[in-house]
Amino acid sequence: MSLFKKFVTVGGGTLGSRLMGFARETMMAAALGTGPMAEAFYAAFKLPNLFRRLFAEGAFNAAFVPLFAKEIETGGIDGAKRFSEEVFGVLFTVLLVLTVVMELAMPLLMRTIIAPGFEGDKYDITVRLAAIMFPYLACMSLTAMLSGMLNSLHHYLAAAIAPIFFNVAMIAALAYGIWIKADGVTIAYYLSYAVLVAGILQMLVLYFGVRHAGMSIAFRRPHMTPNVKRLLLLALPAAVTGGVTQINLIIGQAIASMKEGAIASLQYADRIYQLPLGVVGVAVGVVLLPELARALKSRHMVEADSLQNRSIEFVLFLTLPAAAGIFALSDEIIRLVYERGAFHPDATVTVAAVLTLFGFGLPGFVLNKALTPGFFAREDTKTPMRFTMISVVVNSGLSIALFPFFAERGIAAAESIAGWLSTIMLFIALRRRGHLNIERPLVTRAIRMVIASVIMAVAAHYMAAYFSDYLRSGSHALTQAAVLLPIVFASFVLYLAIVFAIGGADIGMIRRNMKRRGKAAQAIPEDPA
């Protein structure tokens, strides 16, 4: 299967999940707006969701996948099965202990880290919601392990579609709450139980996917074997690195809890920009890591360089116009997706401003996903961790400095700047070590992609201004959709026309570069430095 087809498989499944996420967030906005129960739910969900991101996108994709792939190469399926069972026994035990400890510590964590600005009933409800949802962490951590196994076995679909079940459960809970006209507190509880159910469903989907791929997992008594120790040594810094965005969001949320409505505003904007970040970034990160690890293990350095260049090119080709579109149409997008029910026009202005600032950081966040596999595939998780910690410090300092003046806008700006800083440091480190050789055609095409994206953004802005009477507050949602969606489509078509016309991309390049180059790759020993 070509690299492009693998990106499409993972990205397509993620796209389906993110589109359903839009439907979920639209219903959330209508039911709860930016009010106290929306903030209570989002604050309570932040802790288990943080761990989910750390495990699913950090530790297991960074540490487990290369080691599992190595076991397949050296010990075959039997060796990989034995390794996975060793990991499962330790992981299950650790998660059980962690869940108990975190449940007991939940009031303290909420007061000091998650939402220090919450008080009274809002604080009490948030603690109870978090206690209901935290076991979701255990389900999703095991799901992450199963997902890593499937990706290493070249079975991408089950892992890509599993998140859809999360949105199905959430939408069902919202629909039932709205149908019976439940109050905000009741809907928040429904959503919390739906999160737990969704975690169980996703774990079962991945388990049956692994069985379908020809492997089974049995529980083994926890034992610190050499392979498990190696995994843990790699996983801890990888978890921190993979969760840089989530760590920054936790910091931002703690600060935002000091202002009513700020947490919800950040969450609603985050949902929009997570669409391109998830579809492109997660697809590239999930597919690139096992492919790059396999090329390096086989000493195919030319193939490794090609994989990284193609991934960066794929990221820029799609995220530059996405960021430009966010700049040009943030108000119109937020108004169409959220502005109804309890979500008022003044909230649209605030959330749109936050989304614009997130859009500035979008290419940096996605490039981060394409660069970190260059370290993880070489079993180096400490270097990205150091860069992550620097970016977290910068994010914290900027958030604290900007919040008194710009509120949630300051937090969004701090997160975007910190994301770009992390990406730049990763890029420089890879270049200095000789692990990333940027091809000259990639540089020239990237410049042309930027030009095409700027032209597209200007065109989208003027099209929206021309049809502003149909896109303003108070217009029917169907009217807004009938006007905005063609504008988005026309803008992207314009981008494609320009980028192909000026040489930023061509059909032959896409067809040629997205094919695996294993046969043509030369086996060159890696520089030990």
Protein backbone atom coordinates (compact mmCIF):
# COMPACT_ATOMS: atom_id res chain seq x y z
CA MET A 1 0.00 0.00 0.00
CA SER A 2 1.40 3.43 -0.93
CA LEU A 3 2.23 6.02 1.71
CA PHE A 4 -0.55 8.21 0.30
CA LYS A 5 -3.14 5.44 0.63
CA LYS A 6 -2.08 4.84 4.23
CA PHE A 7 -2.45 8.56 4.98
CA VAL A 8 -5.89 8.48 3.36
CA THR A 9 -6.96 5.39 5.32
CA VAL A 10 -6.02 6.86 8.68
CA GLY A 11 -7.00 10.40 7.73
CA GLY A 12 -10.33 9.25 6.31
CA GLY A 13 -11.28 7.46 9.50
CA THR A 14 -10.16 10.46 11.54
CA LEU A 15 -12.13 12.77 9.25
CA GLY A 16 -15.30 10.78 9.88
CA SER A 17 -14.70 11.04 13.61
CA ARG A 18 -13.96 14.78 13.46
CA LEU A 19 -17.06 15.50 11.38
CA MET A 20 -19.16 13.69 13.96
CA GLY A 21 -17.26 15.72 16.55
CA PHE A 22 -18.57 18.84 14.85
CA ALA A 23 -22.10 17.54 15.21
CA ARG A 24 -21.44 16.78 18.87
CA GLU A 25 -19.99 20.22 19.60
CA THR A 26 -22.84 21.92 17.74
CA MET A 27 -25.33 20.12 19.97
CA MET A 28 -23.21 20.97 23.04
CA ALA A 29 -23.19 24.65 22.12
CA ALA A 30 -26.94 24.67 21.62
CA ALA A 31 -27.62 22.83 24.88
CA LEU A 32 -25.06 24.39 27.21
CA GLY A 33 -23.52 27.39 25.38
CA THR A 34 -20.51 28.81 27.21
CA GLY A 35 -22.30 28.56 30.57
CA PRO A 36 -21.12 26.98 33.85
CA MET A 37 -22.15 23.39 33.02
CA ALA A 38 -20.29 23.47 29.70
CA GLU A 39 -17.21 24.64 31.57
CA ALA A 40 -17.69 22.04 34.31
CA PHE A 41 -17.87 19.20 31.79
CA TYR A 42 -14.92 20.38 29.70
CA ALA A 43 -12.79 20.95 32.80
CA ALA A 44 -13.67 17.51 34.20
CA PHE A 45 -12.95 15.81 30.88
CA LYS A 46 -9.61 17.54 30.47
CA LEU A 47 -7.75 15.26 32.89
CA PRO A 48 -8.66 11.84 31.40
CA ASN A 49 -8.42 13.35 27.92
CA LEU A 50 -4.91 14.60 28.70
CA PHE A 51 -3.82 11.09 29.63
CA ARG A 52 -5.53 9.73 26.53
CA ARG A 53 -3.52 12.06 24.33
CA LEU A 54 -0.31 11.34 26.19
CA PHE A 55 -0.71 7.58 25.78
CA ALA A 56 -2.43 7.36 22.39
CA GLU A 57 -0.39 9.98 20.56
CA GLY A 58 2.77 9.90 22.63
CA ALA A 59 4.02 6.95 24.60
CA PHE A 60 2.70 4.02 22.57
CA ASN A 61 3.10 5.46 19.11
CA ALA A 62 6.61 6.56 20.08
CA ALA A 63 7.92 3.74 22.29
CA PHE A 64 5.76 0.67 21.75
CA VAL A 65 5.56 0.72 17.94
CA PRO A 66 9.34 0.61 17.19
CA LEU A 67 9.90 -2.10 19.81
CA PHE A 68 6.91 -4.13 18.61
CA ALA A 69 8.10 -3.75 15.00
CA LYS A 70 11.58 -4.93 16.04
CA GLU A 71 10.05 -8.01 17.71
CA ILE A 72 8.18 -8.82 14.50
CA GLU A 73 11.43 -8.55 12.50
CA THR A 74 13.54 -10.61 14.92
CA GLY A 75 11.14 -12.99 16.66
CA GLY A 76 8.22 -13.16 14.27
CA ILE A 77 4.59 -13.10 15.33
CA ASP A 78 5.25 -15.32 18.34
CA GLY A 79 7.91 -12.94 19.66
CA ALA A 80 5.66 -9.93 19.11
CA LYS A 81 2.79 -11.71 20.88
CA ARG A 82 4.99 -12.51 23.89
CA PHE A 83 6.20 -8.91 24.07
CA SER A 84 2.67 -7.49 23.86
CA GLU A 85 1.47 -9.79 26.65
CA GLU A 86 4.35 -8.71 28.88
CA VAL A 87 3.44 -5.07 28.27
CA PHE A 88 -0.26 -5.71 28.77
CA GLY A 89 0.28 -7.26 32.22
CA VAL A 90 2.36 -4.31 33.45
CA LEU A 91 0.18 -1.68 31.80
CA PHE A 92 -3.08 -3.06 33.20
CA THR A 93 -1.67 -3.17 36.73
CA VAL A 94 -0.27 0.36 36.55
CA LEU A 95 -3.54 1.73 35.17
CA LEU A 96 -5.56 0.07 37.92
CA VAL A 97 -3.39 1.63 40.64
CA LEU A 98 -3.31 5.01 38.89
CA THR A 99 -7.10 5.10 38.53
CA VAL A 100 -7.64 4.41 42.24
CA VAL A 101 -5.09 7.06 43.28
CA MET A 102 -6.46 9.69 40.92
CA GLU A 103 -10.05 9.07 42.01
CA LEU A 104 -9.06 9.70 45.62
CA ALA A 105 -7.01 12.77 44.71
CA MET A 106 -9.61 14.28 42.34
CA PRO A 107 -10.81 17.11 44.66
CA LEU A 108 -7.24 18.25 45.26
CA LEU A 109 -6.29 18.04 41.57
CA MET A 110 -9.34 20.04 40.55
CA ARG A 111 -8.65 22.72 43.15
CA THR A 112 -4.94 23.12 42.43
CA ILE A 113 -4.31 22.16 38.78
CA ILE A 114 -7.35 21.65 36.58
CA ALA A 115 -9.71 24.49 37.50
CA PRO A 116 -8.41 26.53 40.46
CA GLY A 117 -10.86 29.32 39.62
CA PHE A 118 -13.99 27.16 40.16
CA GLU A 119 -15.93 27.57 43.40
CA GLY A 120 -19.12 26.37 45.11
CA ASP A 121 -21.53 24.09 43.25
CA LYS A 122 -19.58 24.46 40.00
CA TYR A 123 -16.47 23.03 41.68
CA ASP A 124 -18.39 20.18 43.36
CA ILE A 125 -20.11 19.13 40.14
CA THR A 126 -16.84 19.25 38.22
CA VAL A 127 -15.18 16.92 40.74
CA ARG A 128 -18.05 14.41 40.49
CA LEU A 129 -18.03 14.51 36.69
CA ALA A 130 -14.27 13.93 36.61
CA ALA A 131 -14.60 10.95 38.97
CA ILE A 132 -17.14 9.36 36.62
CA MET A 133 -14.98 9.87 33.55
CA PHE A 134 -11.49 9.06 34.80
CA PRO A 135 -11.71 5.26 34.19
CA TYR A 136 -11.93 6.26 30.52
CA LEU A 137 -8.14 6.66 30.82
CA ALA A 138 -7.63 2.94 31.46
CA CYS A 139 -9.79 1.98 28.48
CA MET A 140 -8.02 4.38 26.13
CA SER A 141 -4.53 3.47 27.28
CA LEU A 142 -5.20 -0.19 26.48
CA THR A 143 -6.80 0.95 23.24
CA ALA A 144 -3.59 2.82 22.40
CA MET A 145 -1.57 -0.35 22.83
CA LEU A 146 -3.93 -2.31 20.59
CA SER A 147 -3.82 0.51 18.05
CA GLY A 148 -0.01 0.41 17.99
CA MET A 149 -0.11 -3.32 17.34
CA LEU A 150 -2.53 -2.89 14.45
CA ASN A 151 -0.49 -0.08 12.90
CA SER A 152 2.67 -2.19 13.05
CA LEU A 153 0.79 -5.05 11.39
CA HIS A 154 -0.34 -2.66 8.61
CA HIS A 155 -3.99 -2.78 9.72
CA TYR A 156 -4.91 0.91 9.96
CA LEU A 157 -8.69 1.00 9.49
CA ALA A 158 -9.92 -0.31 12.86
CA ALA A 159 -7.73 2.14 14.81
CA ALA A 160 -8.86 4.99 12.55
CA ILE A 161 -12.60 4.38 12.93
CA ALA A 162 -12.62 3.52 16.65
CA PRO A 163 -12.96 7.19 17.75
CA ILE A 164 -16.24 7.37 15.84
CA PHE A 165 -17.81 5.31 18.62
CA PHE A 166 -16.90 8.04 21.10
CA ASN A 167 -18.90 10.57 19.13
CA VAL A 168 -21.80 8.16 18.67
CA ALA A 169 -22.10 7.72 22.44
CA MET A 170 -21.80 11.46 23.11
CA ILE A 171 -24.32 12.45 20.45
CA ALA A 172 -26.77 9.86 21.77
CA ALA A 173 -26.46 11.28 25.30
CA LEU A 174 -26.94 14.84 24.05
CA ALA A 175 -29.86 13.92 21.84
CA TYR A 176 -31.62 12.16 24.72
CA GLY A 177 -30.99 15.08 27.09
CA ILE A 178 -32.30 17.62 24.60
CA TRP A 179 -35.30 15.41 23.75
CA ILE A 180 -36.43 15.14 27.38
CA LYS A 181 -35.58 18.84 27.93
CA ALA A 182 -33.15 18.05 30.75
CA ASP A 183 -31.40 20.85 32.59
CA GLY A 184 -27.68 21.60 32.16
CA VAL A 185 -26.57 19.60 35.21
CA THR A 186 -28.41 16.47 34.06
CA ILE A 187 -27.00 16.74 30.52
CA ALA A 188 -23.48 17.08 31.96
CA TYR A 189 -23.96 13.83 33.90
CA TYR A 190 -25.33 12.07 30.82
CA LEU A 191 -22.25 13.16 28.89
CA SER A 192 -19.90 11.92 31.60
CA TYR A 193 -21.38 8.43 31.60
CA ALA A 194 -21.31 8.47 27.79
CA VAL A 195 -17.55 9.10 27.90
CA LEU A 196 -17.04 5.97 30.01
CA VAL A 197 -19.25 3.86 27.72
CA ALA A 198 -17.38 5.19 24.68
CA GLY A 199 -14.02 4.15 26.14
CA ILE A 200 -15.25 0.58 26.61
CA LEU A 201 -16.65 0.46 23.07
CA GLN A 202 -13.41 1.71 21.52
CA MET A 203 -11.35 -0.83 23.45
CA LEU A 204 -13.58 -3.68 22.27
CA VAL A 205 -13.39 -2.53 18.63
CA LEU A 206 -9.57 -2.54 18.73
CA TYR A 207 -9.44 -5.87 20.57
CA PHE A 208 -11.49 -7.57 17.87
CA GLY A 209 -9.36 -5.79 15.27
CA VAL A 210 -6.21 -7.35 16.73
CA ARG A 211 -7.88 -10.77 16.79
CA HIS A 212 -8.86 -10.28 13.15
CA ALA A 213 -5.22 -9.42 12.33
CA GLY A 214 -4.20 -12.85 13.58
CA MET A 215 -3.00 -12.10 17.10
CA SER A 216 -4.41 -12.72 20.55
CA ILE A 217 -3.39 -11.32 23.92
CA ALA A 218 -3.47 -13.19 27.21
CA PHE A 219 -2.92 -11.64 30.62
CA ARG A 220 0.51 -12.35 32.13
CA ARG A 221 1.56 -11.68 35.69
CA PRO A 222 3.27 -8.26 35.77
CA HIS A 223 7.00 -8.72 35.40
CA MET A 224 9.69 -6.18 34.55
CA THR A 225 11.35 -7.96 31.66
CA PRO A 226 14.19 -6.20 29.75
CA ASN A 227 11.77 -5.33 26.94
CA VAL A 228 9.25 -3.82 29.35
CA LYS A 229 11.99 -1.79 31.05
CA ARG A 230 13.12 -0.50 27.67
CA LEU A 231 9.55 0.42 26.81
CA LEU A 232 9.07 2.34 30.06
CA LEU A 233 12.35 4.21 29.62
CA LEU A 234 11.20 5.32 26.17
CA ALA A 235 7.55 5.86 27.07
CA LEU A 236 7.87 8.42 29.85
CA PRO A 237 9.63 11.15 27.85
CA ALA A 238 7.62 10.19 24.77
CA ALA A 239 4.37 10.69 26.67
CA VAL A 240 5.44 14.19 27.69
CA THR A 241 6.55 14.99 24.15
CA GLY A 242 3.46 13.59 22.43
CA GLY A 243 1.19 15.57 24.74
CA VAL A 244 2.77 18.99 24.27
CA THR A 245 -0.45 20.44 22.91
CA GLN A 246 -2.49 18.91 25.71
CA ILE A 247 -0.07 20.03 28.39
CA ASN A 248 -0.30 23.55 27.06
CA LEU A 249 -4.10 23.27 27.01
CA ILE A 250 -4.12 22.14 30.66
CA ILE A 251 -2.04 25.19 31.60
CA GLY A 252 -4.30 27.41 29.54
CA GLN A 253 -7.41 25.93 31.13
CA ALA A 254 -6.12 26.46 34.67
CA ILE A 255 -5.52 30.13 33.88
CA ALA A 256 -8.77 30.46 31.91
CA SER A 257 -10.79 29.14 34.86
CA MET A 258 -10.31 32.60 36.39
CA LYS A 259 -12.74 34.07 33.82
CA GLU A 260 -16.33 32.93 33.29
CA GLY A 261 -16.80 31.36 29.86
CA ALA A 262 -13.12 31.30 28.89
CA ILE A 263 -12.69 27.50 29.16
CA ALA A 264 -15.70 26.84 26.94
CA SER A 265 -14.52 29.42 24.39
CA LEU A 266 -11.12 27.75 24.12
CA GLN A 267 -12.74 24.32 23.80
CA TYR A 268 -15.12 25.33 21.01
CA ALA A 269 -12.30 26.92 19.02
CA ASP A 270 -10.06 23.93 19.68
CA ARG A 271 -12.69 21.62 18.17
CA ILE A 272 -12.56 23.48 14.84
CA TYR A 273 -8.81 23.54 14.42
CA GLN A 274 -8.53 19.94 15.63
CA LEU A 275 -10.15 18.89 12.33
CA PRO A 276 -7.13 19.58 10.10
CA LEU A 277 -4.75 18.87 12.98
CA GLY A 278 -6.30 15.45 13.52
CA VAL A 279 -6.94 14.46 9.93
CA VAL A 280 -3.48 15.42 8.66
CA GLY A 281 -1.30 15.43 11.77
CA VAL A 282 -2.50 12.20 13.34
CA ALA A 283 -2.52 10.42 9.97
CA VAL A 284 1.07 11.44 9.27
CA GLY A 285 2.26 10.61 12.78
CA VAL A 286 0.54 7.21 12.92
CA VAL A 287 1.67 6.08 9.47
CA LEU A 288 5.15 7.64 9.38
CA LEU A 289 6.49 6.19 12.64
CA PRO A 290 6.25 2.44 11.81
CA GLU A 291 7.30 3.10 8.20
CA LEU A 292 10.32 5.16 9.28
CA ALA A 293 11.27 2.69 12.02
CA ARG A 294 11.18 -0.16 9.53
CA ALA A 295 13.34 1.73 7.01
CA LEU A 296 15.94 2.59 9.66
CA LYS A 297 16.06 -0.96 11.01
CA SER A 298 16.77 -2.15 7.46
CA ARG A 299 19.44 0.58 6.99
CA HIS A 300 17.50 2.10 4.09
CA MET A 301 18.60 5.69 4.65
CA VAL A 302 17.46 6.96 1.26
CA GLU A 303 13.97 5.59 1.91
CA ALA A 304 13.97 7.19 5.38
CA ASP A 305 14.85 10.61 3.92
CA SER A 306 12.18 10.20 1.26
CA LEU A 307 9.52 9.28 3.84
CA GLN A 308 10.24 12.37 5.93
CA ASN A 309 10.33 14.74 2.96
CA ARG A 310 7.11 13.34 1.56
CA SER A 311 5.42 13.65 4.95
CA ILE A 312 6.46 17.30 5.37
CA GLU A 313 5.27 18.00 1.84
CA PHE A 314 1.92 16.33 2.53
CA VAL A 315 1.53 18.36 5.75
CA LEU A 316 2.25 21.70 4.07
CA PHE A 317 0.10 20.93 1.03
CA LEU A 318 -3.01 20.58 3.22
CA THR A 319 -2.41 22.63 6.37
CA LEU A 320 -1.26 25.89 4.75
CA PRO A 321 -4.60 26.41 2.95
CA ALA A 322 -6.45 25.21 6.08
CA ALA A 323 -4.70 27.86 8.19
CA ALA A 324 -5.34 30.50 5.54
CA GLY A 325 -9.02 29.55 5.44
CA ILE A 326 -9.28 29.88 9.22
CA PHE A 327 -7.75 33.37 9.03
CA ALA A 328 -10.21 34.45 6.36
CA LEU A 329 -13.44 32.79 7.56
CA SER A 330 -13.20 32.28 11.32
CA ASP A 331 -16.27 34.40 12.16
CA GLU A 332 -18.41 32.77 9.51
CA ILE A 333 -17.31 29.26 10.51
CA ILE A 334 -18.05 29.77 14.22
CA ARG A 335 -21.40 31.40 13.46
CA LEU A 336 -22.51 28.50 11.28
CA VAL A 337 -21.29 25.70 13.56
CA TYR A 338 -22.25 27.06 16.97
CA GLU A 339 -24.46 30.15 17.00
CA ARG A 340 -27.85 28.87 18.10
CA GLY A 341 -29.70 28.11 21.34
CA ALA A 342 -27.56 29.06 24.34
CA PHE A 343 -24.64 30.16 22.14
CA HIS A 344 -25.06 33.92 21.51
CA PRO A 345 -23.50 36.32 18.94
CA ASP A 346 -21.10 37.83 21.49
CA ALA A 347 -19.70 34.33 22.10
CA THR A 348 -19.17 34.01 18.33
CA VAL A 349 -16.89 37.04 18.31
CA THR A 350 -14.79 35.70 21.18
CA VAL A 351 -14.48 32.13 19.90
CA ALA A 352 -13.70 33.31 16.35
CA ALA A 353 -10.81 35.44 17.65
CA VAL A 354 -9.44 32.45 19.56
CA LEU A 355 -9.79 30.26 16.46
CA THR A 356 -7.84 32.77 14.36
CA LEU A 357 -4.93 32.60 16.79
CA PHE A 358 -5.06 28.80 16.84
CA GLY A 359 -4.96 28.93 13.03
CA PHE A 360 -1.61 30.71 13.24
CA GLY A 361 -0.18 27.73 15.12
CA LEU A 362 -1.84 25.02 13.01
CA PRO A 363 1.01 24.35 10.53
CA GLY A 364 3.48 24.25 13.41
CA PHE A 365 1.41 21.77 15.40
CA VAL A 366 1.00 19.46 12.40
CA LEU A 367 4.66 19.71 11.37
CA ASN A 368 5.46 18.63 14.92
CA LYS A 369 3.68 15.34 14.16
CA ALA A 370 5.82 14.87 11.04
CA LEU A 371 9.14 15.67 12.77
CA THR A 372 8.92 13.76 16.07
CA PRO A 373 8.93 10.31 14.37
CA GLY A 374 12.46 11.20 13.20
CA PHE A 375 13.51 10.93 16.85
CA PHE A 376 11.12 8.23 18.03
CA ALA A 377 12.02 5.82 15.20
CA ARG A 378 15.64 6.03 16.43
CA GLU A 379 14.43 5.30 19.98
CA ASP A 380 15.36 8.82 21.06
CA THR A 381 12.50 10.18 23.15
CA LYS A 382 14.52 12.38 25.48
CA THR A 383 15.45 15.08 22.97
CA PRO A 384 11.84 15.87 22.00
CA MET A 385 10.94 15.80 25.70
CA ARG A 386 13.50 18.52 26.46
CA PHE A 387 12.13 20.68 23.67
CA THR A 388 8.60 20.06 24.93
CA MET A 389 9.50 21.20 28.42
CA ILE A 390 11.02 24.40 27.02
CA SER A 391 7.86 25.10 25.04
CA VAL A 392 5.70 24.41 28.10
CA VAL A 393 7.68 26.95 30.12
CA VAL A 394 7.33 29.51 27.33
CA ASN A 395 3.61 28.79 27.03
CA SER A 396 3.08 29.17 30.77
CA GLY A 397 4.99 32.43 30.94
CA LEU A 398 3.21 33.94 27.94
CA SER A 399 -0.22 32.79 29.14
CA ILE A 400 0.28 34.36 32.56
CA ALA A 401 1.62 37.56 30.99
CA LEU A 402 -1.05 37.92 28.30
CA PHE A 403 -4.18 36.73 30.14
CA PRO A 404 -4.76 39.94 32.17
CA PHE A 405 -4.79 41.95 28.94
CA PHE A 406 -6.28 39.63 26.31
CA ALA A 407 -8.06 36.89 28.36
CA GLU A 408 -8.64 33.71 26.33
CA ARG A 409 -7.08 35.32 23.25
CA GLY A 410 -3.80 35.61 25.14
CA ILE A 411 -3.89 31.91 26.03
CA ALA A 412 -4.51 30.94 22.39
CA ALA A 413 -1.63 33.15 21.23
CA ALA A 414 0.70 31.63 23.84
CA GLU A 415 -0.17 28.07 22.78
CA SER A 416 0.45 28.82 19.11
CA ILE A 417 3.81 30.50 19.77
CA ALA A 418 4.91 27.62 22.01
CA GLY A 419 3.86 25.09 19.36
CA TRP A 420 5.95 26.81 16.69
CA LEU A 421 8.92 27.02 19.06
CA SER A 422 8.81 23.27 19.69
CA THR A 423 8.61 22.53 15.95
CA ILE A 424 11.54 24.82 15.11
CA MET A 425 13.72 23.18 17.76
CA LEU A 426 12.84 19.70 16.45
CA PHE A 427 13.69 20.75 12.90
CA ILE A 428 17.05 22.27 13.85
CA ALA A 429 18.05 19.22 15.91
CA LEU A 430 17.23 16.78 13.11
CA ARG A 431 19.16 18.87 10.60
CA ARG A 432 22.25 19.19 12.83
CA ARG A 433 22.37 15.43 13.40
CA GLY A 434 22.07 14.70 9.70
CA HIS A 435 18.77 12.87 10.21
CA LEU A 436 16.75 15.20 7.99
CA ASN A 437 18.00 16.10 4.53
CA ILE A 438 15.58 18.60 3.04
CA GLU A 439 15.33 18.28 -0.72
CA ARG A 440 15.63 21.50 -2.74
CA PRO A 441 12.36 20.89 -4.65
CA LEU A 442 10.53 20.67 -1.30
CA VAL A 443 11.70 24.18 -0.35
CA THR A 444 10.64 25.76 -3.64
CA ARG A 445 7.29 23.99 -3.60
CA ALA A 446 6.66 25.10 0.00
CA ILE A 447 7.21 28.75 -0.94
CA ARG A 448 4.75 28.42 -3.80
CA MET A 449 2.22 26.74 -1.49
CA VAL A 450 2.44 29.76 0.83
CA ILE A 451 1.81 32.13 -2.09
CA ALA A 452 -1.20 30.11 -3.26
CA SER A 453 -2.60 30.00 0.29
CA VAL A 454 -2.34 33.78 0.72
CA ILE A 455 -4.12 34.40 -2.57
CA MET A 456 -6.81 31.90 -1.56
CA ALA A 457 -7.33 33.62 1.82
CA VAL A 458 -7.77 37.05 0.19
CA ALA A 459 -10.27 35.62 -2.28
CA ALA A 460 -12.21 33.84 0.49
CA HIS A 461 -12.36 37.05 2.55
CA TYR A 462 -13.82 39.07 -0.33
CA MET A 463 -16.31 36.33 -1.25
CA ALA A 464 -17.54 36.25 2.35
CA ALA A 465 -17.81 40.05 2.40
CA TYR A 466 -19.81 40.04 -0.85
CA PHE A 467 -22.34 37.56 0.59
CA SER A 468 -22.25 39.02 4.11
CA ASP A 469 -26.02 39.61 4.18
CA TYR A 470 -26.52 35.84 4.06
CA LEU A 471 -23.80 35.06 6.60
CA ARG A 472 -24.61 37.53 9.38
CA SER A 473 -26.07 36.70 12.79
CA GLY A 474 -29.76 35.93 12.58
CA SER A 475 -29.57 34.25 9.18
CA HIS A 476 -30.94 30.73 9.08
CA ALA A 477 -28.33 28.02 9.48
CA LEU A 478 -29.32 26.42 6.18
CA THR A 479 -28.89 29.75 4.41
CA GLN A 480 -25.47 30.22 5.97
CA ALA A 481 -24.44 26.70 5.03
CA ALA A 482 -25.72 27.12 1.46
CA VAL A 483 -23.47 30.16 1.06
CA LEU A 484 -20.42 29.35 3.22
CA LEU A 485 -19.81 25.78 2.05
CA PRO A 486 -19.58 26.78 -1.65
CA ILE A 487 -17.20 29.59 -0.63
CA VAL A 488 -14.97 27.08 1.18
CA PHE A 489 -15.12 24.68 -1.77
CA ALA A 490 -14.42 27.43 -4.33
CA SER A 491 -11.52 28.71 -2.23
CA PHE A 492 -9.89 25.29 -2.05
CA VAL A 493 -10.38 24.75 -5.79
CA LEU A 494 -8.74 28.15 -6.36
CA TYR A 495 -5.83 27.10 -4.13
CA LEU A 496 -5.38 23.88 -6.08
CA ALA A 497 -5.52 25.73 -9.41
CA ILE A 498 -2.91 28.27 -8.30
CA VAL A 499 -0.58 25.82 -6.57
CA PHE A 500 -0.53 23.57 -9.66
CA ALA A 501 -0.19 26.53 -12.02
CA ILE A 502 2.84 28.05 -10.28
CA GLY A 503 4.60 24.72 -9.65
CA GLY A 504 3.85 24.23 -5.97
CA ALA A 505 2.60 20.76 -6.84
CA ASP A 506 1.96 18.61 -9.88
CA ILE A 507 0.13 15.36 -10.50
CA GLY A 508 3.29 13.50 -11.41
CA MET A 509 5.01 14.67 -8.24
CA ILE A 510 2.13 13.55 -6.05
CA ARG A 511 1.85 10.17 -7.77
CA ARG A 512 5.61 9.63 -7.70
CA ASN A 513 6.32 10.87 -4.19
CA MET A 514 3.49 9.08 -2.43
CA LYS A 515 4.66 5.65 -3.52
CA ARG A 516 6.81 3.58 -1.23
CA ARG A 517 10.41 3.58 -2.34
CA GLY A 518 11.52 0.44 -0.61
CA LYS A 519 12.65 -1.26 -3.80
CA ALA A 520 14.69 1.70 -4.92
CA ALA A 521 16.14 2.46 -1.51
CA GLN A 522 19.80 1.85 -0.94
CA ALA A 523 20.95 0.06 2.19
CA ILE A 524 23.35 2.60 3.68
CA PRO A 525 24.73 2.20 7.21
CA GLU A 526 23.46 4.90 9.52
CA ASP A 527 25.98 7.38 10.84
CA PRO A 528 26.56 6.36 14.48
CA ALA A 529 26.87 10.04 15.43
